[in-house]
Protein backbone atom coordinates (compact mmCIF):
# COMPACT_ATOMS: atom_id res chain seq x y z
CA MET A 1 10.48 -44.70 -83.28
CA LYS A 2 8.56 -41.46 -83.66
CA PRO A 3 7.49 -39.63 -80.50
CA PHE A 4 3.75 -39.68 -79.96
CA SER A 5 1.34 -37.49 -78.02
CA GLN A 6 -2.22 -38.68 -77.58
CA ALA A 7 -3.31 -35.10 -76.93
CA CYS A 8 -1.96 -34.06 -80.34
CA GLU A 9 -3.79 -36.94 -81.94
CA ASN A 10 -7.04 -35.91 -80.25
CA ASN A 11 -6.92 -32.19 -80.98
CA LYS A 12 -5.33 -32.02 -84.45
CA GLN A 13 -8.56 -31.99 -86.47
CA PRO A 14 -10.42 -29.41 -84.33
CA ILE A 15 -7.37 -27.14 -84.52
CA LEU A 16 -7.02 -27.63 -88.28
CA THR A 17 -10.65 -26.67 -88.83
CA ILE A 18 -9.89 -23.22 -87.43
CA LEU A 19 -6.41 -22.85 -88.93
CA ASP A 20 -7.81 -23.61 -92.38
CA ARG A 21 -9.92 -20.48 -92.01
CA VAL A 22 -7.64 -18.07 -90.12
CA PHE A 23 -4.53 -18.96 -92.16
CA ALA A 24 -6.39 -18.77 -95.49
CA ASP A 25 -4.38 -15.71 -96.59
CA THR A 26 -1.16 -16.68 -94.82
CA ARG A 27 1.89 -17.72 -96.79
CA LYS A 28 4.58 -18.70 -94.25
CA VAL A 29 3.90 -19.97 -90.73
CA LEU A 30 6.47 -20.34 -87.96
CA GLU A 31 5.43 -23.01 -85.48
CA ILE A 32 7.01 -22.22 -82.11
CA GLY A 33 7.66 -25.35 -80.06
CA SER A 34 6.83 -28.08 -82.58
CA GLY A 35 7.19 -30.74 -79.86
CA THR A 36 6.68 -34.23 -81.25
CA GLY A 37 6.16 -32.90 -84.78
CA GLN A 38 2.68 -34.45 -85.05
CA HIS A 39 0.83 -31.19 -85.53
CA ALA A 40 3.17 -30.04 -88.30
CA ALA A 41 2.96 -33.38 -90.10
CA TYR A 42 -0.83 -33.24 -90.01
CA PHE A 43 -1.38 -29.56 -90.79
CA ALA A 44 1.13 -28.92 -93.58
CA PRO A 45 -0.28 -31.37 -96.18
CA ARG A 46 -3.77 -30.01 -95.51
CA LEU A 47 -2.69 -26.36 -95.86
CA PRO A 48 -0.80 -26.64 -99.15
CA HIS A 49 -1.02 -22.91 -99.92
CA LEU A 50 1.51 -22.05 -97.20
CA GLN A 51 4.94 -23.07 -95.93
CA TRP A 52 5.00 -24.60 -92.45
CA GLN A 53 8.30 -23.96 -90.65
CA THR A 54 8.88 -26.14 -87.60
CA SER A 55 11.09 -25.02 -84.72
CA ASP A 56 12.05 -26.16 -81.25
CA LEU A 57 15.00 -26.78 -78.96
CA ASP A 58 17.65 -29.02 -80.53
CA ALA A 59 16.72 -31.96 -78.29
CA ASN A 60 13.33 -32.25 -80.01
CA HIS A 61 14.61 -32.10 -83.59
CA PRO A 62 15.10 -35.86 -84.10
CA GLY A 63 11.46 -36.57 -83.26
CA ILE A 64 10.19 -33.76 -85.46
CA ASN A 65 12.37 -34.96 -88.33
CA ALA A 66 11.05 -38.50 -87.90
CA TRP A 67 7.50 -37.23 -88.50
CA ILE A 68 8.68 -35.12 -91.45
CA ASP A 69 10.42 -38.18 -92.93
CA ASP A 70 7.04 -39.93 -93.06
CA THR A 71 5.32 -36.94 -94.65
CA SER A 72 5.50 -36.19 -98.35
CA ALA A 73 4.43 -32.55 -97.99
CA ALA A 74 6.86 -30.30 -99.84
CA ASN A 75 5.66 -27.31 -97.82
CA LEU A 76 6.76 -28.81 -94.47
CA LEU A 77 10.20 -27.52 -93.49
CA ARG A 78 12.69 -29.19 -91.17
CA PRO A 79 13.06 -27.71 -87.70
CA LEU A 80 15.05 -24.62 -86.93
CA THR A 81 16.65 -24.15 -83.54
CA LEU A 82 14.57 -21.73 -81.51
CA ASP A 83 14.84 -20.88 -77.84
CA VAL A 84 12.38 -18.06 -77.18
CA LEU A 85 14.71 -16.66 -74.49
CA GLU A 86 17.46 -16.11 -77.05
CA ASN A 87 17.63 -13.25 -79.54
CA ASP A 88 18.69 -15.24 -82.61
CA TRP A 89 15.22 -15.99 -83.99
CA PRO A 90 14.82 -17.21 -87.60
CA ALA A 91 15.12 -14.45 -90.17
CA GLY A 92 11.66 -14.88 -91.68
CA PRO A 93 9.66 -13.19 -92.99
CA TYR A 94 6.60 -14.87 -91.46
CA ASP A 95 3.00 -13.73 -91.62
CA GLY A 96 1.63 -16.54 -89.45
CA PHE A 97 2.58 -18.03 -86.09
CA PHE A 98 1.29 -21.12 -84.30
CA SER A 99 2.12 -22.47 -80.88
CA ALA A 100 0.34 -25.25 -78.99
CA ASN A 101 0.62 -26.16 -75.32
CA THR A 102 3.63 -23.95 -74.70
CA CYS A 103 2.32 -21.06 -72.60
CA HIS A 104 1.72 -23.23 -69.52
CA ILE A 105 5.07 -25.04 -69.91
CA MET A 106 7.32 -22.01 -70.36
CA PRO A 107 8.01 -19.73 -67.41
CA TRP A 108 5.97 -16.55 -67.63
CA HIS A 109 9.02 -14.56 -68.73
CA GLY A 110 9.36 -17.12 -71.53
CA VAL A 111 5.80 -16.39 -72.68
CA LEU A 112 6.63 -12.69 -72.70
CA ALA A 113 9.83 -13.41 -74.63
CA MET A 114 7.85 -15.42 -77.19
CA LEU A 115 5.44 -12.53 -77.75
CA THR A 116 8.36 -10.11 -77.96
CA GLY A 117 10.02 -12.30 -80.58
CA ILE A 118 6.83 -12.48 -82.61
CA GLY A 119 6.56 -8.71 -82.21
CA ARG A 120 9.81 -8.27 -84.11
CA TYR A 121 8.13 -9.75 -87.17
CA THR A 122 4.92 -7.78 -86.74
CA ALA A 123 6.98 -4.60 -86.78
CA GLU A 124 8.27 -5.46 -90.25
CA GLY A 125 6.26 -4.41 -93.28
CA ALA A 126 2.57 -3.57 -93.44
CA GLY A 127 0.97 -6.93 -94.20
CA ALA A 128 -1.48 -8.77 -92.01
CA VAL A 129 -0.11 -11.11 -89.33
CA VAL A 130 -1.97 -13.94 -87.59
CA LEU A 131 -0.97 -15.62 -84.32
CA ALA A 132 -2.79 -18.76 -83.16
CA LEU A 133 -2.19 -19.94 -79.58
CA TYR A 134 -3.63 -23.24 -78.38
CA GLY A 135 -3.92 -24.48 -74.82
CA PRO A 136 -5.73 -24.05 -71.50
CA PHE A 137 -6.20 -20.55 -70.08
CA LYS A 138 -7.75 -18.91 -67.04
CA TYR A 139 -10.31 -16.11 -67.16
CA GLY A 140 -10.28 -13.47 -64.43
CA GLY A 141 -7.99 -15.74 -62.45
CA GLU A 142 -10.50 -18.61 -62.57
CA PHE A 143 -10.06 -22.02 -64.18
CA THR A 144 -12.62 -23.07 -66.79
CA SER A 145 -12.99 -26.56 -65.31
CA PRO A 146 -12.00 -28.66 -62.29
CA SER A 147 -9.73 -30.71 -64.56
CA ASN A 148 -7.79 -27.58 -65.55
CA ALA A 149 -7.41 -26.65 -61.88
CA ALA A 150 -6.05 -30.12 -61.18
CA PHE A 151 -3.73 -29.88 -64.20
CA ASP A 152 -2.38 -26.53 -62.96
CA LYS A 153 -1.69 -28.06 -59.55
CA TYR A 154 0.08 -30.98 -61.20
CA LEU A 155 2.24 -28.66 -63.31
CA LYS A 156 3.33 -26.54 -60.36
CA SER A 157 4.10 -29.60 -58.24
CA HIS A 158 6.63 -30.72 -60.86
CA ALA A 159 7.96 -27.32 -61.94
CA PRO A 160 6.95 -24.19 -60.01
CA HIS A 161 7.55 -21.94 -63.03
CA GLN A 162 4.80 -23.72 -64.99
CA GLY A 163 1.08 -23.10 -64.81
CA ILE A 164 -2.05 -22.16 -66.73
CA ARG A 165 -1.92 -18.47 -67.70
CA ASP A 166 -4.56 -15.75 -67.46
CA ILE A 167 -5.95 -14.82 -70.85
CA GLU A 168 -6.04 -11.17 -69.74
CA ALA A 169 -2.29 -11.21 -69.15
CA ILE A 170 -1.69 -12.85 -72.52
CA THR A 171 -3.84 -10.36 -74.42
CA THR A 172 -2.26 -7.38 -72.64
CA ALA A 173 1.24 -8.57 -73.47
CA ALA A 174 0.29 -9.33 -77.08
CA ALA A 175 -1.25 -5.87 -77.50
CA GLU A 176 2.10 -4.32 -76.61
CA HIS A 177 3.36 -5.80 -79.88
CA GLY A 178 0.41 -4.74 -82.02
CA LEU A 179 -1.43 -8.05 -81.77
CA VAL A 180 -5.13 -7.82 -80.90
CA LEU A 181 -7.28 -10.76 -79.84
CA ALA A 182 -9.72 -11.42 -82.67
CA GLU A 183 -11.11 -14.84 -81.72
CA ASP A 184 -11.38 -17.01 -78.62
CA ASN A 185 -12.41 -20.45 -79.83
CA ALA A 186 -13.55 -23.08 -77.34
CA MET A 187 -11.87 -26.42 -78.05
CA PRO A 188 -12.19 -29.99 -76.76
CA ALA A 189 -10.82 -30.95 -73.33
CA ASN A 190 -11.29 -27.45 -71.88
CA ASN A 191 -8.73 -25.81 -74.17
CA GLN A 192 -8.93 -22.64 -76.26
CA LEU A 193 -7.53 -21.53 -79.59
CA LEU A 194 -6.78 -17.83 -79.37
CA VAL A 195 -6.35 -15.96 -82.65
CA PHE A 196 -4.58 -12.60 -82.71
CA HIS A 197 -4.39 -10.24 -85.70
CA ARG A 198 -2.04 -7.47 -86.67
CA LEU A 199 -3.98 -5.86 -89.47
CA GLY A 200 -2.00 -4.47 -92.37
CA GLU A 201 -1.99 -0.78 -93.18
CA GLN A 202 -4.57 0.32 -95.68
CA ALA A 203 -3.29 1.44 -99.06
């Protein structure tokens, strides 16, 4: 049986609407933390101009592969092993990155490690790079809704290293790797889709 997330089912179309635009010139996307595999199975067939590379910890690969098995998209690639805290990231090259609902699950040093890993790719070549991050965020230390505040409390009660992150901290860390916040898109259920750009050098 394939794993299923109702949240993925609810947010897949709103996310795709933005990815269709911001990944228009992207050719190879690395999804960091593919989770159930639902997002990849939905996005890849609808973004046929690019390759969608799934990745996650080994424990999640069977579920991701189950979704891929039910998808006929030739541009959807089977999951690679990726632990953001390790140095052996996929070779690439990638000019697009997507990660959903990972920043509040990883420890903060894991978020920094993810941005550092992405930064290794942005340092290669001169082409444009796009990073899309989906999830709940705080602004100036404040939650955007009572439900997000309750969710943060729930996360920390189960795992103290988890929690909703400050967008200012995310953007500062991303900027250290040449990634600048270009868009902050409000999404359903008090989430955001942050889009970062590393613009290519001009000829």
